[in-house]
C-alpha atoms as a PDB file:
ATOM      1  CA  UNK A   1     -11.978  -9.877 -21.266  1.00  0.00           C
ATOM      2  CA  UNK A   2     -11.292 -13.506 -21.568  1.00  0.00           C
ATOM      3  CA  UNK A   3     -11.370 -15.763 -24.853  1.00  0.00           C
ATOM      4  CA  UNK A   4     -12.933 -18.501 -22.550  1.00  0.00           C
ATOM      5  CA  UNK A   5     -13.864 -18.000 -19.204  1.00  0.00           C
ATOM      6  CA  UNK A   6     -14.686 -21.165 -17.355  1.00  0.00           C
ATOM      7  CA  UNK A   7     -18.237 -19.841 -16.301  1.00  0.00           C
ATOM      8  CA  UNK A   8     -19.176 -16.182 -17.419  1.00  0.00           C
ATOM      9  CA  UNK A   9     -22.620 -15.431 -16.220  1.00  0.00           C
ATOM     10  CA  UNK A  10     -23.725 -11.571 -17.299  1.00  0.00           C
ATOM     11  CA  UNK A  11     -21.129 -11.707 -19.833  1.00  0.00           C
ATOM     12  CA  UNK A  12     -21.016  -9.495 -23.206  1.00  0.00           C
ATOM     13  CA  UNK A  13     -19.808 -10.553 -26.307  1.00  0.00           C
ATOM     14  CA  UNK A  14     -17.924  -8.701 -28.911  1.00  0.00           C
ATOM     15  CA  UNK A  15     -15.939  -9.811 -31.869  1.00  0.00           C
ATOM     16  CA  UNK A  16     -14.072 -13.042 -30.651  1.00  0.00           C
ATOM     17  CA  UNK A  17     -14.028 -11.645 -27.145  1.00  0.00           C
ATOM     18  CA  UNK A  18     -16.142 -12.048 -23.882  1.00  0.00           C
ATOM     19  CA  UNK A  19     -16.353  -9.261 -20.924  1.00  0.00           C
ATOM     20  CA  UNK A  20     -17.283  -9.380 -17.667  1.00  0.00           C
ATOM     21  CA  UNK A  21     -17.962  -6.274 -15.609  1.00  0.00           C
ATOM     22  CA  UNK A  22     -17.014  -6.668 -11.960  1.00  0.00           C
ATOM     23  CA  UNK A  23     -18.527  -3.800  -9.511  1.00  0.00           C
ATOM     24  CA  UNK A  24     -16.677  -4.782  -6.560  1.00  0.00           C
ATOM     25  CA  UNK A  25     -13.809  -1.949  -6.214  1.00  0.00           C
ATOM     26  CA  UNK A  26      -9.963  -3.093  -6.152  1.00  0.00           C
ATOM     27  CA  UNK A  27      -6.999  -1.408  -6.861  1.00  0.00           C
ATOM     28  CA  UNK A  28      -5.805  -1.595 -10.833  1.00  0.00           C
ATOM     29  CA  UNK A  29      -2.971  -4.520  -9.486  1.00  0.00           C
ATOM     30  CA  UNK A  30      -5.800  -6.664  -8.035  1.00  0.00           C
ATOM     31  CA  UNK A  31      -7.917  -6.000 -10.996  1.00  0.00           C
ATOM     32  CA  UNK A  32      -5.247  -7.135 -13.200  1.00  0.00           C
ATOM     33  CA  UNK A  33      -4.335 -10.028 -11.032  1.00  0.00           C
ATOM     34  CA  UNK A  34      -8.471 -10.983 -10.669  1.00  0.00           C
ATOM     35  CA  UNK A  35      -9.044 -11.178 -14.551  1.00  0.00           C
ATOM     36  CA  UNK A  36      -5.735 -13.450 -14.539  1.00  0.00           C
ATOM     37  CA  UNK A  37      -7.148 -15.818 -12.240  1.00  0.00           C
ATOM     38  CA  UNK A  38     -10.264 -16.063 -13.960  1.00  0.00           C
ATOM     39  CA  UNK A  39      -8.332 -16.678 -17.434  1.00  0.00           C
ATOM     40  CA  UNK A  40      -8.589 -13.155 -19.103  1.00  0.00           C
ATOM     41  CA  UNK A  41      -7.076  -9.883 -18.681  1.00  0.00           C
ATOM     42  CA  UNK A  42      -8.030  -6.207 -18.030  1.00  0.00           C
ATOM     43  CA  UNK A  43      -9.803  -5.180 -21.316  1.00  0.00           C
ATOM     44  CA  UNK A  44      -7.729  -3.741 -23.951  1.00  0.00           C
ATOM     45  CA  UNK A  45      -9.271  -1.575 -26.613  1.00  0.00           C
ATOM     46  CA  UNK A  46      -8.420  -1.881 -30.168  1.00  0.00           C
ATOM     47  CA  UNK A  47     -10.731  -0.096 -32.204  1.00  0.00           C
ATOM     48  CA  UNK A  48     -13.538   2.336 -32.049  1.00  0.00           C
ATOM     49  CA  UNK A  49     -16.150  -0.026 -32.933  1.00  0.00           C
ATOM     50  CA  UNK A  50     -14.677  -2.159 -29.427  1.00  0.00           C
ATOM     51  CA  UNK A  51     -14.843   0.972 -27.928  1.00  0.00           C
ATOM     52  CA  UNK A  52     -18.597   2.178 -28.585  1.00  0.00           C
ATOM     53  CA  UNK A  53     -19.542  -1.273 -27.361  1.00  0.00           C
ATOM     54  CA  UNK A  54     -17.558  -0.944 -24.369  1.00  0.00           C
ATOM     55  CA  UNK A  55     -18.773   2.549 -23.504  1.00  0.00           C
ATOM     56  CA  UNK A  56     -22.528   1.416 -23.972  1.00  0.00           C
ATOM     57  CA  UNK A  57     -22.068  -1.337 -21.580  1.00  0.00           C
ATOM     58  CA  UNK A  58     -20.544   1.099 -19.095  1.00  0.00           C
ATOM     59  CA  UNK A  59     -23.628   3.785 -19.720  1.00  0.00           C
ATOM     60  CA  UNK A  60     -25.761   0.786 -18.556  1.00  0.00           C
ATOM     61  CA  UNK A  61     -24.114  -0.268 -15.665  1.00  0.00           C
ATOM     62  CA  UNK A  62     -24.121   3.604 -14.744  1.00  0.00           C
ATOM     63  CA  UNK A  63     -27.385   3.858 -14.940  1.00  0.00           C
ATOM     64  CA  UNK A  64     -28.244   0.728 -12.825  1.00  0.00           C
ATOM     65  CA  UNK A  65     -25.363   0.783 -10.070  1.00  0.00           C
ATOM     66  CA  UNK A  66     -24.186   4.591 -10.296  1.00  0.00           C
ATOM     67  CA  UNK A  67     -20.319   3.101 -11.270  1.00  0.00           C
ATOM     68  CA  UNK A  68     -18.538   5.750 -13.135  1.00  0.00           C
ATOM     69  CA  UNK A  69     -14.835   4.375 -13.230  1.00  0.00           C
ATOM     70  CA  UNK A  70     -13.596   1.088 -14.487  1.00  0.00           C
ATOM     71  CA  UNK A  71     -10.196  -0.018 -14.802  1.00  0.00           C
ATOM     72  CA  UNK A  72      -8.657  -0.849 -18.263  1.00  0.00           C
ATOM     73  CA  UNK A  73      -5.387  -2.969 -19.249  1.00  0.00           C
ATOM     74  CA  UNK A  74      -3.393  -0.257 -20.044  1.00  0.00           C
ATOM     75  CA  UNK A  75       0.157   0.925 -17.949  1.00  0.00           C
ATOM     76  CA  UNK A  76       2.805   3.797 -18.468  1.00  0.00           C
ATOM     77  CA  UNK A  77       5.404   1.367 -18.726  1.00  0.00           C
ATOM     78  CA  UNK A  78       7.991   4.297 -20.251  1.00  0.00           C
ATOM     79  CA  UNK A  79       6.844   7.083 -17.871  1.00  0.00           C
ATOM     80  CA  UNK A  80       6.389   9.336 -20.573  1.00  0.00           C
ATOM     81  CA  UNK A  81       2.846  10.867 -21.859  1.00  0.00           C
ATOM     82  CA  UNK A  82       1.803   7.467 -23.719  1.00  0.00           C
ATOM     83  CA  UNK A  83       0.067   4.336 -22.032  1.00  0.00           C
ATOM     84  CA  UNK A  84       0.682   1.000 -23.736  1.00  0.00           C
ATOM     85  CA  UNK A  85      -1.443  -2.197 -23.324  1.00  0.00           C
ATOM     86  CA  UNK A  86      -0.132  -4.271 -20.887  1.00  0.00           C
ATOM     87  CA  UNK A  87      -0.157  -7.551 -23.234  1.00  0.00           C
ATOM     88  CA  UNK A  88       1.610  -5.270 -25.926  1.00  0.00           C
ATOM     89  CA  UNK A  89       3.739  -2.976 -23.916  1.00  0.00           C
ATOM     90  CA  UNK A  90       6.470  -2.590 -26.562  1.00  0.00           C
ATOM     91  CA  UNK A  91       3.968  -1.418 -29.386  1.00  0.00           C
ATOM     92  CA  UNK A  92       1.907   2.119 -29.099  1.00  0.00           C
ATOM     93  CA  UNK A  93      -1.802   1.886 -28.923  1.00  0.00           C
ATOM     94  CA  UNK A  94      -3.712   1.389 -32.315  1.00  0.00           C
ATOM     95  CA  UNK A  95      -6.666   3.064 -30.874  1.00  0.00           C
ATOM     96  CA  UNK A  96      -7.345   5.903 -28.175  1.00  0.00           C
ATOM     97  CA  UNK A  97     -10.110   7.827 -26.888  1.00  0.00           C
ATOM     98  CA  UNK A  98      -8.694  10.234 -23.855  1.00  0.00           C
ATOM     99  CA  UNK A  99     -10.751  12.322 -22.103  1.00  0.00           C
ATOM    100  CA  UNK A 100     -10.911  16.095 -22.882  1.00  0.00           C
ATOM    101  CA  UNK A 101     -12.826  18.787 -20.851  1.00  0.00           C
ATOM    102  CA  UNK A 102     -15.695  20.061 -23.324  1.00  0.00           C
ATOM    103  CA  UNK A 103     -14.832  22.751 -25.422  1.00  0.00           C
ATOM    104  CA  UNK A 104     -17.961  24.432 -24.398  1.00  0.00           C
ATOM    105  CA  UNK A 105     -16.485  24.677 -20.504  1.00  0.00           C
ATOM    106  CA  UNK A 106     -16.514  28.362 -20.675  1.00  0.00           C
ATOM    107  CA  UNK A 107     -16.086  29.538 -16.738  1.00  0.00           C
ATOM    108  CA  UNK A 108     -14.818  26.525 -15.415  1.00  0.00           C
ATOM    109  CA  UNK A 109     -12.911  26.110 -11.920  1.00  0.00           C
ATOM    110  CA  UNK A 110      -9.494  23.966 -11.652  1.00  0.00           C
ATOM    111  CA  UNK A 111      -8.692  22.713  -8.189  1.00  0.00           C
ATOM    112  CA  UNK A 112      -5.731  20.086  -7.656  1.00  0.00           C
ATOM    113  CA  UNK A 113      -6.630  17.239 -10.656  1.00  0.00           C
ATOM    114  CA  UNK A 114     -10.090  18.308 -10.903  1.00  0.00           C
ATOM    115  CA  UNK A 115     -12.275  21.203 -13.229  1.00  0.00           C
ATOM    116  CA  UNK A 116     -15.542  22.034 -12.416  1.00  0.00           C
ATOM    117  CA  UNK A 117     -18.295  23.331 -14.077  1.00  0.00           C
ATOM    118  CA  UNK A 118     -21.528  25.247 -12.441  1.00  0.00           C
ATOM    119  CA  UNK A 119     -24.704  24.358 -14.455  1.00  0.00           C
ATOM    120  CA  UNK A 120     -27.170  26.559 -13.818  1.00  0.00           C
ATOM    121  CA  UNK A 121     -30.044  24.773 -15.644  1.00  0.00           C
ATOM    122  CA  UNK A 122     -32.683  23.287 -13.368  1.00  0.00           C
ATOM    123  CA  UNK A 123     -33.400  19.555 -13.465  1.00  0.00           C
ATOM    124  CA  UNK A 124     -33.862  16.680 -11.252  1.00  0.00           C
ATOM    125  CA  UNK A 125     -31.069  14.782  -9.339  1.00  0.00           C
ATOM    126  CA  UNK A 126     -30.860  11.851 -11.820  1.00  0.00           C
ATOM    127  CA  UNK A 127     -30.686  14.189 -15.093  1.00  0.00           C
ATOM    128  CA  UNK A 128     -28.232  16.140 -13.668  1.00  0.00           C
ATOM    129  CA  UNK A 129     -26.153  13.282 -12.553  1.00  0.00           C
ATOM    130  CA  UNK A 130     -26.892  11.704 -16.293  1.00  0.00           C
ATOM    131  CA  UNK A 131     -25.680  15.301 -18.035  1.00  0.00           C
ATOM    132  CA  UNK A 132     -22.498  15.118 -16.093  1.00  0.00           C
ATOM    133  CA  UNK A 133     -21.637  11.674 -17.139  1.00  0.00           C
ATOM    134  CA  UNK A 134     -22.612  12.545 -21.120  1.00  0.00           C
ATOM    135  CA  UNK A 135     -20.307  15.645 -20.724  1.00  0.00           C
ATOM    136  CA  UNK A 136     -17.425  13.141 -19.700  1.00  0.00           C
ATOM    137  CA  UNK A 137     -17.671  13.659 -15.762  1.00  0.00           C
ATOM    138  CA  UNK A 138     -19.714  13.412 -13.039  1.00  0.00           C
ATOM    139  CA  UNK A 139     -21.801  15.062 -10.288  1.00  0.00           C
ATOM    140  CA  UNK A 140     -19.155  16.775  -8.282  1.00  0.00           C
ATOM    141  CA  UNK A 141     -17.792  14.791  -5.182  1.00  0.00           C
ATOM    142  CA  UNK A 142     -16.375  16.695  -2.520  1.00  0.00           C
ATOM    143  CA  UNK A 143     -13.747  14.229  -0.919  1.00  0.00           C
ATOM    144  CA  UNK A 144     -11.818  16.519   1.784  1.00  0.00           C
ATOM    145  CA  UNK A 145     -12.005  19.623   3.565  1.00  0.00           C
ATOM    146  CA  UNK A 146      -9.870  21.903   1.112  1.00  0.00           C
ATOM    147  CA  UNK A 147     -11.986  20.827  -1.608  1.00  0.00           C
ATOM    148  CA  UNK A 148     -15.251  21.376  -0.143  1.00  0.00           C
ATOM    149  CA  UNK A 149     -13.903  25.076   0.935  1.00  0.00           C
ATOM    150  CA  UNK A 150     -13.084  25.492  -2.747  1.00  0.00           C
ATOM    151  CA  UNK A 151     -16.478  24.652  -4.029  1.00  0.00           C
ATOM    152  CA  UNK A 152     -18.426  26.702  -1.070  1.00  0.00           C
ATOM    153  CA  UNK A 153     -16.212  29.752  -2.464  1.00  0.00           C
ATOM    154  CA  UNK A 154     -17.218  29.517  -5.986  1.00  0.00           C
ATOM    155  CA  UNK A 155     -20.855  29.412  -5.032  1.00  0.00           C
ATOM    156  CA  UNK A 156     -20.671  32.205  -2.274  1.00  0.00           C
ATOM    157  CA  UNK A 157     -19.141  34.690  -4.971  1.00  0.00           C
ATOM    158  CA  UNK A 158     -21.251  33.552  -7.721  1.00  0.00           C
ATOM    159  CA  UNK A 159     -24.594  33.821  -5.565  1.00  0.00           C
ATOM    160  CA  UNK A 160     -23.493  36.856  -3.602  1.00  0.00           C
ATOM    161  CA  UNK A 161     -25.839  39.283  -5.404  1.00  0.00           C
ATOM    162  CA  UNK A 162     -28.692  36.661  -6.000  1.00  0.00           C
ATOM    163  CA  UNK A 163     -31.935  36.407  -3.368  1.00  0.00           C
ATOM    164  CA  UNK A 164     -33.320  33.329  -2.268  1.00  0.00           C
ATOM    165  CA  UNK A 165     -32.123  30.043  -1.031  1.00  0.00           C
ATOM    166  CA  UNK A 166     -29.916  28.502  -4.219  1.00  0.00           C
ATOM    167  CA  UNK A 167     -29.495  24.648  -3.912  1.00  0.00           C
ATOM    168  CA  UNK A 168     -26.850  22.856  -5.768  1.00  0.00           C
ATOM    169  CA  UNK A 169     -27.148  19.020  -6.786  1.00  0.00           C
ATOM    170  CA  UNK A 170     -24.125  16.975  -5.476  1.00  0.00           C
ATOM    171  CA  UNK A 171     -22.942  13.326  -6.472  1.00  0.00           C
ATOM    172  CA  UNK A 172     -24.200  11.765  -3.079  1.00  0.00           C
ATOM    173  CA  UNK A 173     -27.109   9.400  -2.693  1.00  0.00           C
ATOM    174  CA  UNK A 174     -28.573   7.138  -0.695  1.00  0.00           C
ATOM    175  CA  UNK A 175     -28.085   3.652  -2.122  1.00  0.00           C
ATOM    176  CA  UNK A 176     -29.261   1.606   0.808  1.00  0.00           C
ATOM    177  CA  UNK A 177     -31.896   2.125   3.962  1.00  0.00           C
ATOM    178  CA  UNK A 178     -28.991   1.225   6.714  1.00  0.00           C
ATOM    179  CA  UNK A 179     -26.519   3.025   5.270  1.00  0.00           C
ATOM    180  CA  UNK A 180     -25.600   6.755   4.939  1.00  0.00           C
ATOM    181  CA  UNK A 181     -25.450   9.130   1.673  1.00  0.00           C
ATOM    182  CA  UNK A 182     -22.573   7.999  -0.405  1.00  0.00           C
ATOM    183  CA  UNK A 183     -20.540   9.369  -3.316  1.00  0.00           C
ATOM    184  CA  UNK A 184     -21.767   7.312  -6.414  1.00  0.00           C
ATOM    185  CA  UNK A 185     -18.822   6.523  -7.916  1.00  0.00           C
ATOM    186  CA  UNK A 186     -17.823   4.831  -4.694  1.00  0.00           C
ATOM    187  CA  UNK A 187     -20.850   3.467  -3.673  1.00  0.00           C
ATOM    188  CA  UNK A 188     -19.564   0.884  -1.553  1.00  0.00           C
ATOM    189  CA  UNK A 189     -17.634   3.003   0.712  1.00  0.00           C
ATOM    190  CA  UNK A 190     -18.403   5.624   3.478  1.00  0.00           C
ATOM    191  CA  UNK A 191     -17.660   8.967   2.601  1.00  0.00           C
ATOM    192  CA  UNK A 192     -13.847  10.560   3.514  1.00  0.00           C
ATOM    193  CA  UNK A 193     -15.397  13.647   4.655  1.00  0.00           C
ATOM    194  CA  UNK A 194     -18.756  15.358   5.446  1.00  0.00           C
ATOM    195  CA  UNK A 195     -20.109  18.829   5.611  1.00  0.00           C
ATOM    196  CA  UNK A 196     -24.093  18.449   6.661  1.00  0.00           C
ATOM    197  CA  UNK A 197     -26.017  21.035   7.514  1.00  0.00           C
ATOM    198  CA  UNK A 198     -27.049  21.149  11.282  1.00  0.00           C
ATOM    199  CA  UNK A 199     -29.872  18.438  11.946  1.00  0.00           C
ATOM    200  CA  UNK A 200     -28.840  17.133   8.729  1.00  0.00           C
ATOM    201  CA  UNK A 201     -29.787  14.328   6.751  1.00  0.00           C
ATOM    202  CA  UNK A 202     -32.893  14.885   8.268  1.00  0.00           C
ATOM    203  CA  UNK A 203     -35.498  12.318   6.006  1.00  0.00           C
ATOM    204  CA  UNK A 204     -33.671   9.391   5.229  1.00  0.00           C
ATOM    205  CA  UNK A 205     -36.337   7.515   3.822  1.00  0.00           C
ATOM    206  CA  UNK A 206     -37.835  10.020   1.347  1.00  0.00           C
ATOM    207  CA  UNK A 207     -34.841  12.597   0.591  1.00  0.00           C
ATOM    208  CA  UNK A 208     -32.311  10.174  -0.918  1.00  0.00           C
ATOM    209  CA  UNK A 209     -30.199  12.720  -3.011  1.00  0.00           C
ATOM    210  CA  UNK A 210     -27.491  15.320  -1.851  1.00  0.00           C
ATOM    211  CA  UNK A 211     -27.226  19.117  -2.551  1.00  0.00           C
ATOM    212  CA  UNK A 212     -25.495  21.896  -1.135  1.00  0.00           C
ATOM    213  CA  UNK A 213     -27.562  24.904   0.232  1.00  0.00           C
ATOM    214  CA  UNK A 214     -27.269  28.825   0.333  1.00  0.00           C
ATOM    215  CA  UNK A 215     -29.138  29.071   3.724  1.00  0.00           C
ATOM    216  CA  UNK A 216     -26.336  27.092   5.295  1.00  0.00           C
ATOM    217  CA  UNK A 217     -23.355  28.764   3.914  1.00  0.00           C
ATOM    218  CA  UNK A 218     -23.363  25.801   1.320  1.00  0.00           C
ATOM    219  CA  UNK A 219     -23.272  23.020   3.815  1.00  0.00           C
ATOM    220  CA  UNK A 220     -24.965  19.828   2.472  1.00  0.00           C
ATOM    221  CA  UNK A 221     -28.587  18.736   3.134  1.00  0.00           C
ATOM    222  CA  UNK A 222     -30.468  15.412   1.900  1.00  0.00           C
ATOM    223  CA  UNK A 223     -33.020  16.381  -0.967  1.00  0.00           C
ATOM    224  CA  UNK A 224     -36.455  14.807  -2.585  1.00  0.00           C
ATOM    225  CA  UNK A 225     -34.413  13.344  -5.801  1.00  0.00           C
ATOM    226  CA  UNK A 226     -37.153  15.129  -7.750  1.00  0.00           C
ATOM    227  CA  UNK A 227     -36.878  18.580  -7.300  1.00  0.00           C
ATOM    228  CA  UNK A 228     -35.418  20.795  -9.898  1.00  0.00           C
ATOM    229  CA  UNK A 229     -32.119  22.369  -9.201  1.00  0.00           C
ATOM    230  CA  UNK A 230     -28.784  23.625 -10.661  1.00  0.00           C
ATOM    231  CA  UNK A 231     -25.640  21.384 -10.343  1.00  0.00           C
ATOM    232  CA  UNK A 232     -22.159  21.118 -10.646  1.00  0.00           C
ATOM    233  CA  UNK A 233     -20.125  18.776 -12.628  1.00  0.00           C
ATOM    234  CA  UNK A 234     -16.649  17.415 -12.042  1.00  0.00           C
ATOM    235  CA  UNK A 235     -14.167  16.347 -14.826  1.00  0.00           C
ATOM    236  CA  UNK A 236     -10.998  14.365 -13.515  1.00  0.00           C
ATOM    237  CA  UNK A 237      -7.798  14.768 -15.226  1.00  0.00           C
END
């Protein structure tokens, strides 16, 4: 966010401020410095109206790029249960909008810092992605062997008495023809862990979405995005 940037192509205006969304991933400290060098600061949201404006921008960016997380200008200066905006570290935030796991999140599963919800409604991949986003989460992204084993154990128990070859959508997508499938929240990075089934992915031009399939012990496969499948949402604390 900036009061008067030198150049601000693709900026958004609200009240007395201009906002610029940067999709290249950085850590929080580097994001702070990037905004400072451009004459601004990481966005500090001070009202419900401003928050709604920013959330609408984020939703539009999500639809265009798949990006889920963006840094804001807050930091826990006092190492307690609250954060403060970096320009006003001695004052409490005048407005907050903390994520809470949906109240209807029955039969959820917890692992490390995430909560998972298996949703059996069958939809295409794009709708599954959007449904998780609208609930405050994302399509699940398994980043370690342990997390993957946890999800596989849930699905194995859940499908123990079910006949047929169940498939669940995951949060992987093939963004570019010359790259591998990547997690939608880190689309510029290779996956740190994979569990592809034998011979997968096998259709890199027509099967751009990622799923986990019962036939291969819930290993991963590439899939046509238009197929209708259940899916798994992940909510990060």
